[in-house]
Amino acid sequence: MIEINLHKIEEKGTKKEWKTVTRGGTTFKQRFRTGKKEKPTTKNITMSLISDIIPEGMDKMDFMTSLGWDFENSKLFNSYIPLEARVCIEDGKAVSLNDTYMSYKNTMNIELLEVNPTQRRQGKGVETMKELVSYALSEDVELIKLNSMDADSDKFYDALGMEKIGQILMTSYRGDKEWMQQFVNTK
């Protein structure tokens, strides 16, 4: 038996168009859904240090499990949560985890950032970055630096408008104070 999520099919686009497609030397017409779909808004996200909100005596992994973190499919936070990690929570569920630190000259370094695998492709990464950037601005940070580990992350940070500053093993990005203020004030 095959199940089809009709809601998901409807989200692919707002109108149908015929396009000419060539595959394997054969040209034919194929119908595609095009147009922009509306993205869900996520405005109720709050970010906290895990150490500030974890119940006394509870293990970090157990706490994150209670918030719905998908450790089985997580790539970065699958077996270890750093001491000063922050969690973004929406409606009692973990949206994302991040590990940051402040370095010299008012610079925030984002070491790890991962959206909960069950929450991906819903705009939660952008909202998480807005929370991080808002926090950085409140701490008088002048520059945010991070390293991207894969092509999907590169696309994400490029789409946010961060400046690519180099690539050796990973792609490095930065966002200055002007970028931070502009990013926080976007819809």
C-alpha atoms as a PDB file:
ATOM      1  CA  MET A   1       0.000   0.000   0.000  1.00  0.00           C
ATOM      2  CA  ILE A   2       1.282   3.484  -0.865  1.00  0.00           C
ATOM      3  CA  GLU A   3       0.363   6.504   1.220  1.00  0.00           C
ATOM      4  CA  ILE A   4       0.503   9.973  -0.284  1.00  0.00           C
ATOM      5  CA  ASN A   5       0.488  13.087   1.835  1.00  0.00           C
ATOM      6  CA  LEU A   6      -1.740  15.377  -0.249  1.00  0.00           C
ATOM      7  CA  HIS A   7      -0.980  18.352   1.970  1.00  0.00           C
ATOM      8  CA  LYS A   8       2.699  18.013   1.107  1.00  0.00           C
ATOM      9  CA  ILE A   9       1.956  17.792  -2.614  1.00  0.00           C
ATOM     10  CA  GLU A  10      -0.103  20.989  -2.445  1.00  0.00           C
ATOM     11  CA  GLU A  11       2.797  22.809  -0.760  1.00  0.00           C
ATOM     12  CA  LYS A  12       5.152  22.279  -3.706  1.00  0.00           C
ATOM     13  CA  GLY A  13       3.858  25.285  -5.608  1.00  0.00           C
ATOM     14  CA  THR A  14       0.887  27.445  -6.369  1.00  0.00           C
ATOM     15  CA  LYS A  15       0.385  26.831 -10.098  1.00  0.00           C
ATOM     16  CA  LYS A  16       1.032  24.141 -12.711  1.00  0.00           C
ATOM     17  CA  GLU A  17       3.198  24.820 -15.758  1.00  0.00           C
ATOM     18  CA  TRP A  18       4.344  22.723 -18.705  1.00  0.00           C
ATOM     19  CA  LYS A  19       8.100  22.838 -19.308  1.00  0.00           C
ATOM     20  CA  THR A  20      10.299  21.306 -21.983  1.00  0.00           C
ATOM     21  CA  VAL A  21      12.628  18.700 -20.471  1.00  0.00           C
ATOM     22  CA  THR A  22      15.487  16.763 -22.093  1.00  0.00           C
ATOM     23  CA  ARG A  23      16.676  13.504 -20.544  1.00  0.00           C
ATOM     24  CA  GLY A  24      18.902  10.964 -22.228  1.00  0.00           C
ATOM     25  CA  GLY A  25      18.658  12.784 -25.545  1.00  0.00           C
ATOM     26  CA  THR A  26      14.835  12.699 -25.559  1.00  0.00           C
ATOM     27  CA  THR A  27      12.915  15.981 -25.368  1.00  0.00           C
ATOM     28  CA  PHE A  28       9.371  16.020 -23.984  1.00  0.00           C
ATOM     29  CA  LYS A  29       6.926  18.209 -22.065  1.00  0.00           C
ATOM     30  CA  GLN A  30       6.495  17.696 -18.337  1.00  0.00           C
ATOM     31  CA  ARG A  31       4.140  19.417 -15.912  1.00  0.00           C
ATOM     32  CA  PHE A  32       5.647  21.044 -12.817  1.00  0.00           C
ATOM     33  CA  ARG A  33       4.217  22.867  -9.861  1.00  0.00           C
ATOM     34  CA  THR A  34       5.795  26.308  -9.688  1.00  0.00           C
ATOM     35  CA  GLY A  35       5.396  29.483  -7.670  1.00  0.00           C
ATOM     36  CA  LYS A  36       6.258  30.239  -4.094  1.00  0.00           C
ATOM     37  CA  LYS A  37       4.622  28.342  -1.304  1.00  0.00           C
ATOM     38  CA  GLU A  38       3.861  30.134   1.919  1.00  0.00           C
ATOM     39  CA  LYS A  39       6.317  29.313   4.645  1.00  0.00           C
ATOM     40  CA  PRO A  40       5.038  28.744   8.144  1.00  0.00           C
ATOM     41  CA  THR A  41       5.936  31.472  10.585  1.00  0.00           C
ATOM     42  CA  THR A  42       7.864  30.556  13.703  1.00  0.00           C
ATOM     43  CA  LYS A  43       7.844  33.542  16.009  1.00  0.00           C
ATOM     44  CA  ASN A  44       7.535  31.820  19.400  1.00  0.00           C
ATOM     45  CA  ILE A  45      11.076  30.477  19.620  1.00  0.00           C
ATOM     46  CA  THR A  46      13.060  31.154  22.790  1.00  0.00           C
ATOM     47  CA  MET A  47      16.734  30.373  23.304  1.00  0.00           C
ATOM     48  CA  SER A  48      18.267  29.392  26.630  1.00  0.00           C
ATOM     49  CA  LEU A  49      21.421  27.832  27.978  1.00  0.00           C
ATOM     50  CA  ILE A  50      20.597  24.224  28.721  1.00  0.00           C
ATOM     51  CA  SER A  51      22.375  24.563  32.078  1.00  0.00           C
ATOM     52  CA  ASP A  52      19.936  27.367  33.058  1.00  0.00           C
ATOM     53  CA  ILE A  53      16.737  25.412  32.379  1.00  0.00           C
ATOM     54  CA  ILE A  54      17.586  21.763  33.015  1.00  0.00           C
ATOM     55  CA  PRO A  55      15.958  20.333  36.155  1.00  0.00           C
ATOM     56  CA  GLU A  56      18.469  19.719  38.932  1.00  0.00           C
ATOM     57  CA  GLY A  57      20.019  16.273  38.800  1.00  0.00           C
ATOM     58  CA  MET A  58      18.753  15.510  35.276  1.00  0.00           C
ATOM     59  CA  ASP A  59      21.153  14.392  32.545  1.00  0.00           C
ATOM     60  CA  LYS A  60      21.396  16.703  29.478  1.00  0.00           C
ATOM     61  CA  MET A  61      20.640  13.859  27.082  1.00  0.00           C
ATOM     62  CA  ASP A  62      17.520  12.861  29.058  1.00  0.00           C
ATOM     63  CA  PHE A  63      16.427  16.487  29.213  1.00  0.00           C
ATOM     64  CA  MET A  64      16.784  16.942  25.454  1.00  0.00           C
ATOM     65  CA  THR A  65      14.918  13.656  24.874  1.00  0.00           C
ATOM     66  CA  SER A  66      12.075  15.046  26.991  1.00  0.00           C
ATOM     67  CA  LEU A  67      12.006  18.069  24.638  1.00  0.00           C
ATOM     68  CA  GLY A  68      11.731  15.779  21.611  1.00  0.00           C
ATOM     69  CA  TRP A  69      15.317  15.946  20.282  1.00  0.00           C
ATOM     70  CA  ASP A  70      15.834  13.257  17.618  1.00  0.00           C
ATOM     71  CA  PHE A  71      19.224  11.824  18.651  1.00  0.00           C
ATOM     72  CA  GLU A  72      18.924   8.914  16.224  1.00  0.00           C
ATOM     73  CA  ASN A  73      18.951  11.187  13.152  1.00  0.00           C
ATOM     74  CA  SER A  74      21.047  14.032  14.573  1.00  0.00           C
ATOM     75  CA  LYS A  75      24.447  14.508  12.909  1.00  0.00           C
ATOM     76  CA  LEU A  76      26.132  16.828  15.415  1.00  0.00           C
ATOM     77  CA  PHE A  77      24.392  16.312  18.741  1.00  0.00           C
ATOM     78  CA  ASN A  78      23.804  12.559  18.572  1.00  0.00           C
ATOM     79  CA  SER A  79      25.878  11.418  21.550  1.00  0.00           C
ATOM     80  CA  TYR A  80      27.254  14.527  23.255  1.00  0.00           C
ATOM     81  CA  ILE A  81      25.928  17.944  24.258  1.00  0.00           C
ATOM     82  CA  PRO A  82      28.587  20.578  25.136  1.00  0.00           C
ATOM     83  CA  LEU A  83      28.546  22.169  28.580  1.00  0.00           C
ATOM     84  CA  GLU A  84      27.434  25.607  27.378  1.00  0.00           C
ATOM     85  CA  ALA A  85      25.075  24.543  24.582  1.00  0.00           C
ATOM     86  CA  ARG A  86      21.936  26.568  23.944  1.00  0.00           C
ATOM     87  CA  VAL A  87      18.570  25.132  22.984  1.00  0.00           C
ATOM     88  CA  CYS A  88      15.856  26.896  21.023  1.00  0.00           C
ATOM     89  CA  ILE A  89      12.398  25.830  22.126  1.00  0.00           C
ATOM     90  CA  GLU A  90       9.011  26.377  20.517  1.00  0.00           C
ATOM     91  CA  ASP A  91       5.798  25.133  22.114  1.00  0.00           C
ATOM     92  CA  GLY A  92       7.711  22.918  24.537  1.00  0.00           C
ATOM     93  CA  LYS A  93       9.697  21.168  21.784  1.00  0.00           C
ATOM     94  CA  ALA A  94      13.412  21.449  20.970  1.00  0.00           C
ATOM     95  CA  VAL A  95      13.810  23.226  17.634  1.00  0.00           C
ATOM     96  CA  SER A  96      17.595  23.477  17.519  1.00  0.00           C
ATOM     97  CA  LEU A  97      20.807  23.174  19.482  1.00  0.00           C
ATOM     98  CA  ASN A  98      23.842  25.400  19.159  1.00  0.00           C
ATOM     99  CA  ASP A  99      27.225  25.798  20.788  1.00  0.00           C
ATOM    100  CA  THR A 100      28.811  29.241  20.707  1.00  0.00           C
ATOM    101  CA  TYR A 101      31.579  31.086  22.471  1.00  0.00           C
ATOM    102  CA  MET A 102      32.816  34.650  22.626  1.00  0.00           C
ATOM    103  CA  SER A 103      36.379  35.288  21.568  1.00  0.00           C
ATOM    104  CA  TYR A 104      38.509  38.391  21.559  1.00  0.00           C
ATOM    105  CA  LYS A 105      37.318  41.748  20.202  1.00  0.00           C
ATOM    106  CA  ASN A 106      33.577  41.145  20.594  1.00  0.00           C
ATOM    107  CA  THR A 107      33.417  38.173  18.228  1.00  0.00           C
ATOM    108  CA  MET A 108      30.923  35.329  18.555  1.00  0.00           C
ATOM    109  CA  ASN A 109      32.001  31.971  17.146  1.00  0.00           C
ATOM    110  CA  ILE A 110      29.232  29.517  16.316  1.00  0.00           C
ATOM    111  CA  GLU A 111      30.894  26.140  16.691  1.00  0.00           C
ATOM    112  CA  LEU A 112      27.881  23.890  16.171  1.00  0.00           C
ATOM    113  CA  LEU A 113      24.351  24.597  14.986  1.00  0.00           C
ATOM    114  CA  GLU A 114      21.796  21.928  14.168  1.00  0.00           C
ATOM    115  CA  VAL A 115      18.052  22.038  13.683  1.00  0.00           C
ATOM    116  CA  ASN A 116      16.231  19.093  15.231  1.00  0.00           C
ATOM    117  CA  PRO A 117      15.870  16.534  12.412  1.00  0.00           C
ATOM    118  CA  THR A 118      12.105  16.379  13.033  1.00  0.00           C
ATOM    119  CA  GLN A 119      11.841  20.175  12.576  1.00  0.00           C
ATOM    120  CA  ARG A 120      13.858  20.689   9.370  1.00  0.00           C
ATOM    121  CA  ARG A 121      12.607  22.427   6.191  1.00  0.00           C
ATOM    122  CA  GLN A 122      10.168  24.586   8.191  1.00  0.00           C
ATOM    123  CA  GLY A 123      12.106  27.848   8.568  1.00  0.00           C
ATOM    124  CA  LYS A 124      13.431  26.923  12.014  1.00  0.00           C
ATOM    125  CA  GLY A 125      17.080  27.403  10.991  1.00  0.00           C
ATOM    126  CA  VAL A 126      16.426  31.023  10.004  1.00  0.00           C
ATOM    127  CA  GLU A 127      14.541  31.657  13.246  1.00  0.00           C
ATOM    128  CA  THR A 128      17.374  30.049  15.223  1.00  0.00           C
ATOM    129  CA  MET A 129      19.886  32.320  13.484  1.00  0.00           C
ATOM    130  CA  LYS A 130      17.673  35.326  14.295  1.00  0.00           C
ATOM    131  CA  GLU A 131      17.714  34.310  17.966  1.00  0.00           C
ATOM    132  CA  LEU A 132      21.504  33.913  17.884  1.00  0.00           C
ATOM    133  CA  VAL A 133      22.013  37.234  16.100  1.00  0.00           C
ATOM    134  CA  SER A 134      19.644  39.038  18.505  1.00  0.00           C
ATOM    135  CA  TYR A 135      21.589  37.583  21.410  1.00  0.00           C
ATOM    136  CA  ALA A 136      24.878  38.644  19.785  1.00  0.00           C
ATOM    137  CA  LEU A 137      23.628  42.206  19.344  1.00  0.00           C
ATOM    138  CA  SER A 138      22.480  42.324  22.979  1.00  0.00           C
ATOM    139  CA  GLU A 139      26.006  41.276  24.017  1.00  0.00           C
ATOM    140  CA  ASP A 140      27.545  44.046  21.854  1.00  0.00           C
ATOM    141  CA  VAL A 141      29.107  41.551  19.449  1.00  0.00           C
ATOM    142  CA  GLU A 142      30.747  43.139  16.409  1.00  0.00           C
ATOM    143  CA  LEU A 143      31.302  39.989  14.337  1.00  0.00           C
ATOM    144  CA  ILE A 144      29.888  36.461  14.039  1.00  0.00           C
ATOM    145  CA  LYS A 145      32.105  33.706  12.632  1.00  0.00           C
ATOM    146  CA  LEU A 146      31.255  30.116  11.802  1.00  0.00           C
ATOM    147  CA  ASN A 147      32.357  27.185   9.678  1.00  0.00           C
ATOM    148  CA  SER A 148      30.031  25.279   7.395  1.00  0.00           C
ATOM    149  CA  MET A 149      30.481  21.529   7.134  1.00  0.00           C
ATOM    150  CA  ASP A 150      28.572  20.645   3.951  1.00  0.00           C
ATOM    151  CA  ALA A 151      26.972  21.959   0.764  1.00  0.00           C
ATOM    152  CA  ASP A 152      23.495  22.259   2.336  1.00  0.00           C
ATOM    153  CA  SER A 153      24.905  24.427   5.111  1.00  0.00           C
ATOM    154  CA  ASP A 154      26.772  26.513   2.525  1.00  0.00           C
ATOM    155  CA  LYS A 155      23.480  27.171   0.703  1.00  0.00           C
ATOM    156  CA  PHE A 156      21.823  28.114   3.995  1.00  0.00           C
ATOM    157  CA  TYR A 157      24.483  30.632   5.059  1.00  0.00           C
ATOM    158  CA  ASP A 158      24.723  32.054   1.528  1.00  0.00           C
ATOM    159  CA  ALA A 159      20.943  32.564   1.539  1.00  0.00           C
ATOM    160  CA  LEU A 160      21.220  34.393   4.862  1.00  0.00           C
ATOM    161  CA  GLY A 161      23.637  36.824   3.227  1.00  0.00           C
ATOM    162  CA  MET A 162      26.684  35.937   5.316  1.00  0.00           C
ATOM    163  CA  GLU A 163      30.044  36.752   3.785  1.00  0.00           C
ATOM    164  CA  LYS A 164      32.084  33.731   2.669  1.00  0.00           C
ATOM    165  CA  ILE A 165      35.663  34.310   3.852  1.00  0.00           C
ATOM    166  CA  GLY A 166      37.450  31.143   2.803  1.00  0.00           C
ATOM    167  CA  GLN A 167      37.387  27.428   2.256  1.00  0.00           C
ATOM    168  CA  ILE A 168      39.981  24.833   3.173  1.00  0.00           C
ATOM    169  CA  LEU A 169      38.307  21.796   4.724  1.00  0.00           C
ATOM    170  CA  MET A 170      35.171  23.716   5.631  1.00  0.00           C
ATOM    171  CA  THR A 171      33.682  26.946   4.332  1.00  0.00           C
ATOM    172  CA  SER A 172      34.118  29.882   6.702  1.00  0.00           C
ATOM    173  CA  TYR A 173      31.549  32.651   6.980  1.00  0.00           C
ATOM    174  CA  ARG A 174      31.230  35.920   8.839  1.00  0.00           C
ATOM    175  CA  GLY A 175      28.551  38.489   9.503  1.00  0.00           C
ATOM    176  CA  ASP A 176      29.473  41.964  10.731  1.00  0.00           C
ATOM    177  CA  LYS A 177      27.338  44.230  12.911  1.00  0.00           C
ATOM    178  CA  GLU A 178      25.686  45.852   9.872  1.00  0.00           C
ATOM    179  CA  TRP A 179      24.674  42.421   8.551  1.00  0.00           C
ATOM    180  CA  MET A 180      23.412  41.402  12.006  1.00  0.00           C
ATOM    181  CA  GLN A 181      21.167  44.443  12.344  1.00  0.00           C
ATOM    182  CA  GLN A 182      19.827  44.030   8.819  1.00  0.00           C
ATOM    183  CA  PHE A 183      19.230  40.281   9.270  1.00  0.00           C
ATOM    184  CA  VAL A 184      17.358  40.649  12.565  1.00  0.00           C
ATOM    185  CA  ASN A 185      15.021  43.206  10.996  1.00  0.00           C
ATOM    186  CA  THR A 186      14.015  41.014   8.006  1.00  0.00           C
ATOM    187  CA  LYS A 187      10.668  39.224   8.033  1.00  0.00           C
END
